[in-house]
Amino acid sequence: MEGIFFRGLWTTVILIIFTGAHCNLCNDIQLYTFPKALDSRTQPIAATSVEAGQLFERSRAGSDIYKNKAMVERLKTYGVITSEKVANVIESIDRALFVPDGNVPYYDSPMPIGYNVTISAPHMHATCLQLLEENLQPGMHALDVGSGTGYLTACFALMVGPQGCVVGVEHIPELVSSSIQNIQKGAAAPLLKEGSLSVHVGDGRLGWPEHAPYDAIHVGAAAPKIPQALIDQLKPGGRMVIPVGTISQELKVIDKDLDGSLSVRDEISVRYVPLTSREVQLQGV
């Protein structure tokens, strides 16, 4: 609902931390097995170098890892964020407001939010924001399919501003309610109140025709093929970012040319759970 880079290997790293000039190796080696990072809907895949760096920094920097700005700085250091506009937006939307209690909000990993879904890892949010940045200019329209906690929807709203329009579509009513509460606590609250930002209960596979066409469309679950309804609602000159595939999945970047033709490229390999119906998603809950 709301992927992460696929590295292809389970990652176990040994960090050797020397606590003094004359260390006893047995006392000074700490073994860290990095979490097998989850995608947007709890599928395990490989840990990233960003996560490795975070654990190392956590061992050195203590509580600094819990700060939103520090999270952004780490993502910039590791080359995940290269856009200052994206950096400023992520700094403005405090991730802690969207992560359930009991989790470390600024750790670069997906976090469970219930209903068999998660909030995506910070580096994946940053990646999608950068891929869509040119189509999230002030006054533009954006659609967030599978809006989950509302985090990325709120980021979109800050980027397009009060003259733009951002729509989140989520088929779990409880998540729609909680996402609205999350957004009301943060920097995007005025946009929600004014109506340029809205979140709705619906089947995201059908898009949200009311405010179409969209300059930017983000999809947070893997479709077996690109839904025609989303293609139809993408504005000429617009861009869609969507994971596509079943066992093997790619994050695809789809640009609609001014004549309506499509150009499609693969950005990165990912692992998402399927873009499916509410009934199928809730099986086992």
Protein backbone atom coordinates (compact mmCIF):
# COMPACT_ATOMS: atom_id res chain seq x y z
CA MET A 1 0.00 0.00 0.00
CA GLU A 2 2.45 2.33 0.43
CA GLY A 3 8.97 -1.10 -2.07
CA ILE A 4 12.34 -0.90 -1.47
CA PHE A 5 15.42 -1.60 -3.56
CA PHE A 6 15.99 -5.27 -4.36
CA ARG A 7 19.62 -6.19 -3.86
CA GLY A 8 19.26 -9.92 -4.43
CA LEU A 9 21.18 -11.08 -1.37
CA TRP A 10 20.24 -11.53 2.27
CA THR A 11 22.65 -9.31 4.09
CA THR A 12 24.50 -10.13 7.28
CA VAL A 13 27.20 -7.70 8.29
CA ILE A 14 29.72 -7.86 11.06
CA LEU A 15 30.63 -4.50 12.51
CA ILE A 16 33.85 -4.48 14.46
CA ILE A 17 33.67 -1.71 16.98
CA PHE A 18 36.85 -0.97 18.87
CA THR A 19 36.21 0.54 22.25
CA GLY A 20 39.84 1.18 23.14
CA ALA A 21 43.36 1.13 21.76
CA HIS A 22 44.06 -2.34 23.16
CA CYS A 23 40.86 -4.31 22.63
CA ASN A 24 40.18 -7.93 23.24
CA LEU A 25 38.64 -9.07 19.95
CA CYS A 26 36.09 -11.30 21.63
CA ASN A 27 34.83 -8.42 23.77
CA ASP A 28 34.82 -5.77 21.07
CA ILE A 29 33.13 -7.45 18.10
CA GLN A 30 29.39 -6.98 17.87
CA LEU A 31 27.42 -9.00 15.35
CA TYR A 32 24.56 -7.21 13.68
CA THR A 33 22.25 -9.04 11.34
CA PHE A 34 20.50 -6.29 9.47
CA PRO A 35 16.73 -6.60 9.21
CA LYS A 36 15.55 -8.19 6.00
CA ALA A 37 13.77 -5.11 4.81
CA LEU A 38 10.10 -5.32 4.01
CA ASP A 39 8.39 -3.82 1.04
CA SER A 40 5.27 -1.72 1.10
CA ARG A 41 3.13 -4.70 2.12
CA THR A 42 5.40 -6.75 4.36
CA GLN A 43 7.24 -8.88 1.77
CA PRO A 44 10.85 -9.52 2.96
CA ILE A 45 13.71 -8.54 0.68
CA ALA A 46 17.34 -7.57 1.04
CA ALA A 47 18.60 -4.95 3.47
CA THR A 48 20.12 -1.82 1.95
CA SER A 49 23.39 -0.02 2.47
CA VAL A 50 21.38 2.82 3.97
CA GLU A 51 20.12 0.51 6.72
CA ALA A 52 23.66 -0.71 7.34
CA GLY A 53 24.86 2.84 7.71
CA GLN A 54 22.03 3.66 10.05
CA LEU A 55 22.85 0.84 12.40
CA PHE A 56 26.47 1.90 12.46
CA GLU A 57 25.52 5.51 13.11
CA ARG A 58 23.08 4.42 15.80
CA SER A 59 25.91 2.71 17.63
CA ARG A 60 27.86 5.97 17.53
CA ALA A 61 25.27 8.72 17.60
CA GLY A 62 22.70 7.52 20.11
CA SER A 63 19.37 9.30 19.92
CA ASP A 64 20.32 11.30 16.82
CA ILE A 65 18.78 8.55 14.70
CA TYR A 66 15.33 9.42 16.02
CA LYS A 67 15.25 12.91 14.54
CA ASN A 68 13.47 13.59 11.27
CA LYS A 69 16.12 16.00 10.01
CA ALA A 70 18.88 13.52 10.82
CA MET A 71 17.01 10.90 8.77
CA VAL A 72 16.99 13.25 5.79
CA GLU A 73 20.68 14.03 6.21
CA ARG A 74 21.52 10.33 6.22
CA LEU A 75 19.53 9.74 3.05
CA LYS A 76 21.39 12.64 1.44
CA THR A 77 24.73 11.27 2.60
CA TYR A 78 24.02 7.90 1.01
CA GLY A 79 22.90 9.50 -2.24
CA VAL A 80 19.24 8.55 -1.92
CA ILE A 81 18.09 12.18 -1.80
CA THR A 82 19.71 14.49 -4.33
CA SER A 83 16.93 17.07 -4.65
CA GLU A 84 16.79 19.93 -2.17
CA LYS A 85 13.07 20.35 -2.78
CA VAL A 86 12.43 16.72 -1.88
CA ALA A 87 14.71 17.03 1.15
CA ASN A 88 12.79 20.08 2.37
CA VAL A 89 9.42 18.38 1.93
CA ILE A 90 10.49 15.25 3.81
CA GLU A 91 11.88 17.44 6.59
CA SER A 92 8.56 19.27 6.75
CA ILE A 93 6.41 16.14 7.07
CA ASP A 94 7.40 14.46 10.34
CA ARG A 95 7.39 10.71 9.73
CA ALA A 96 6.70 10.08 13.43
CA LEU A 97 3.15 11.38 12.94
CA PHE A 98 2.46 8.55 10.49
CA VAL A 99 4.19 5.58 12.16
CA PRO A 100 2.29 3.64 14.84
CA ASP A 101 3.56 3.73 18.40
CA GLY A 102 6.14 1.10 19.23
CA ASN A 103 8.19 1.59 16.06
CA VAL A 104 11.30 3.68 15.44
CA PRO A 105 9.84 6.18 12.97
CA TYR A 106 13.08 7.36 11.37
CA TYR A 107 14.67 3.97 10.81
CA ASP A 108 15.02 3.19 7.09
CA SER A 109 12.65 0.26 6.98
CA PRO A 110 8.95 -0.27 6.36
CA MET A 111 6.78 -0.34 9.48
CA PRO A 112 3.56 -2.36 9.95
CA ILE A 113 0.38 -0.30 10.13
CA GLY A 114 -2.14 -3.14 10.30
CA TYR A 115 -4.46 -4.72 7.72
CA ASN A 116 -1.54 -6.63 6.15
CA VAL A 117 0.19 -3.44 5.01
CA THR A 118 3.05 -1.18 6.02
CA ILE A 119 4.29 2.36 5.61
CA SER A 120 7.17 2.24 3.14
CA ALA A 121 10.80 2.82 4.08
CA PRO A 122 11.98 6.46 3.97
CA HIS A 123 14.38 5.79 1.10
CA MET A 124 11.52 4.47 -1.03
CA HIS A 125 9.40 7.51 -0.34
CA ALA A 126 12.33 9.72 -1.31
CA THR A 127 12.88 7.74 -4.50
CA CYS A 128 9.27 8.10 -5.63
CA LEU A 129 9.19 11.80 -4.77
CA GLN A 130 12.27 12.42 -6.88
CA LEU A 131 10.94 10.41 -9.81
CA LEU A 132 7.75 12.50 -9.73
CA GLU A 133 9.28 15.85 -8.77
CA GLU A 134 8.87 17.54 -12.16
CA ASN A 135 5.20 16.50 -12.17
CA LEU A 136 4.57 17.81 -8.67
CA GLN A 137 5.06 21.48 -9.41
CA PRO A 138 2.76 24.11 -7.85
CA GLY A 139 -0.74 23.92 -9.25
CA MET A 140 -0.46 20.36 -10.61
CA HIS A 141 -2.74 17.39 -9.86
CA ALA A 142 -1.51 14.16 -8.23
CA LEU A 143 -3.10 10.81 -7.40
CA ASP A 144 -1.78 8.48 -4.68
CA VAL A 145 -3.19 4.96 -5.09
CA GLY A 146 -3.00 2.92 -1.88
CA SER A 147 -2.38 5.97 0.27
CA GLY A 148 -2.07 4.02 3.54
CA THR A 149 -0.99 6.29 6.37
CA GLY A 150 -1.26 9.41 4.21
CA TYR A 151 2.46 10.20 4.49
CA LEU A 152 3.33 10.37 0.80
CA THR A 153 -0.03 11.97 0.02
CA ALA A 154 0.87 14.78 2.42
CA CYS A 155 4.29 15.17 0.79
CA PHE A 156 2.62 15.48 -2.62
CA ALA A 157 0.29 18.15 -1.25
CA LEU A 158 3.16 20.29 0.00
CA MET A 159 4.84 20.06 -3.37
CA VAL A 160 1.84 21.11 -5.49
CA GLY A 161 0.63 23.66 -2.94
CA PRO A 162 -2.82 25.19 -2.37
CA GLN A 163 -3.41 25.83 -6.08
CA GLY A 164 -2.86 22.15 -6.86
CA CYS A 165 -4.91 19.06 -6.13
CA VAL A 166 -3.84 15.82 -4.43
CA VAL A 167 -6.09 12.79 -4.03
CA GLY A 168 -5.32 9.73 -1.93
CA VAL A 169 -7.32 6.55 -2.59
CA GLU A 170 -7.29 3.69 -0.07
CA HIS A 171 -9.70 0.74 0.10
CA ILE A 172 -9.42 0.17 3.86
CA PRO A 173 -11.84 2.64 5.53
CA GLU A 174 -10.03 2.49 8.86
CA LEU A 175 -6.78 3.54 7.19
CA VAL A 176 -8.53 6.43 5.45
CA SER A 177 -9.80 7.66 8.82
CA SER A 178 -6.45 7.31 10.56
CA SER A 179 -4.57 8.89 7.63
CA ILE A 180 -6.76 11.96 7.80
CA GLN A 181 -6.00 12.20 11.52
CA ASN A 182 -2.28 11.85 10.78
CA ILE A 183 -2.35 14.60 8.16
CA GLN A 184 -4.28 16.92 10.48
CA LYS A 185 -1.35 16.85 12.94
CA GLY A 186 1.26 18.08 10.47
CA ALA A 187 2.34 20.63 7.89
CA ALA A 188 -0.23 19.56 5.29
CA ALA A 189 -3.21 20.12 7.61
CA PRO A 190 -4.18 23.50 6.08
CA LEU A 191 -4.30 21.94 2.60
CA LEU A 192 -6.60 19.20 3.89
CA LYS A 193 -8.86 21.79 5.49
CA GLU A 194 -8.94 23.95 2.38
CA GLY A 195 -9.75 20.97 0.17
CA SER A 196 -6.75 20.85 -2.17
CA LEU A 197 -5.80 17.60 -0.41
CA SER A 198 -8.35 14.81 0.08
CA VAL A 199 -8.35 11.10 0.94
CA HIS A 200 -11.10 8.74 -0.15
CA VAL A 201 -12.25 5.16 0.32
CA GLY A 202 -12.16 3.44 -3.04
CA ASP A 203 -10.63 0.85 -5.34
CA GLY A 204 -7.40 2.48 -6.45
CA ARG A 205 -7.24 0.27 -9.53
CA LEU A 206 -10.02 2.47 -10.88
CA GLY A 207 -8.23 5.70 -10.03
CA TRP A 208 -10.31 8.73 -9.04
CA PRO A 209 -11.89 10.25 -12.16
CA GLU A 210 -13.38 13.28 -10.42
CA HIS A 211 -10.09 15.22 -10.37
CA ALA A 212 -8.46 13.68 -13.45
CA PRO A 213 -6.36 14.10 -15.47
CA TYR A 214 -3.34 13.85 -13.20
CA ASP A 215 0.15 15.18 -13.78
CA ALA A 216 1.52 12.57 -11.35
CA ILE A 217 0.23 9.15 -10.32
CA HIS A 218 1.88 6.99 -7.67
CA VAL A 219 0.80 3.40 -7.03
CA GLY A 220 1.86 1.63 -3.84
CA ALA A 221 1.22 -2.02 -4.73
CA ALA A 222 2.23 -4.29 -7.61
CA ALA A 223 -0.19 -4.68 -10.51
CA PRO A 224 0.05 -7.68 -12.83
CA LYS A 225 -0.27 -5.14 -15.63
CA ILE A 226 -0.73 -1.39 -15.73
CA PRO A 227 -4.41 -0.60 -15.04
CA GLN A 228 -6.03 1.00 -18.07
CA ALA A 229 -8.06 3.33 -15.86
CA LEU A 230 -4.85 4.86 -14.50
CA ILE A 231 -3.40 5.27 -17.99
CA ASP A 232 -6.60 7.01 -19.06
CA GLN A 233 -6.44 9.37 -16.07
CA LEU A 234 -2.78 10.29 -16.65
CA LYS A 235 -2.49 13.71 -18.27
CA PRO A 236 -0.52 14.11 -21.52
CA GLY A 237 2.91 15.18 -20.28
CA GLY A 238 2.25 13.35 -17.00
CA ARG A 239 4.17 10.58 -15.25
CA MET A 240 3.13 7.47 -13.36
CA VAL A 241 5.32 5.44 -10.99
CA ILE A 242 3.99 1.92 -10.43
CA PRO A 243 5.41 -1.50 -9.48
CA VAL A 244 4.42 -4.10 -12.05
CA GLY A 245 4.78 -7.87 -11.97
CA THR A 246 4.01 -10.92 -9.88
CA ILE A 247 7.03 -12.99 -8.83
CA SER A 248 9.46 -10.66 -10.59
CA GLN A 249 8.55 -7.00 -10.19
CA GLU A 250 9.91 -3.72 -11.54
CA LEU A 251 9.19 -0.18 -10.48
CA LYS A 252 8.13 1.28 -13.79
CA VAL A 253 8.22 4.92 -14.81
CA ILE A 254 5.53 5.67 -17.38
CA ASP A 255 5.51 8.97 -19.25
CA LYS A 256 2.55 9.97 -21.39
CA ASP A 257 3.64 12.06 -24.34
CA LEU A 258 1.63 15.03 -25.53
CA ASP A 259 0.19 12.92 -28.36
CA GLY A 260 -1.04 10.36 -25.83
CA SER A 261 1.60 7.72 -26.57
CA LEU A 262 3.40 6.04 -23.67
CA SER A 263 7.08 5.53 -22.93
CA VAL A 264 7.88 3.00 -20.22
CA ARG A 265 11.16 2.25 -18.47
CA ASP A 266 12.20 0.10 -15.54
CA GLU A 267 13.71 2.07 -12.66
CA ILE A 268 14.57 -0.61 -10.08
CA SER A 269 13.59 -4.15 -9.13
CA VAL A 270 11.24 -4.22 -6.15
CA ARG A 271 9.02 -6.55 -4.17
CA TYR A 272 5.47 -5.46 -3.37
CA VAL A 273 2.37 -7.39 -2.46
CA PRO A 274 -0.34 -7.36 -5.13
CA LEU A 275 -2.60 -4.50 -6.04
CA THR A 276 -5.78 -6.36 -5.25
CA SER A 277 -9.23 -6.18 -3.73
CA ARG A 278 -9.91 -5.29 -0.11
CA GLU A 279 -11.31 -8.77 0.52
CA VAL A 280 -8.17 -10.53 -0.71
CA GLN A 281 -5.90 -8.13 1.18
CA LEU A 282 -7.70 -8.73 4.47
CA GLN A 283 -7.52 -12.51 4.29
CA GLY A 284 -5.95 -13.79 7.48
CA VAL A 285 -6.35 -10.52 9.40
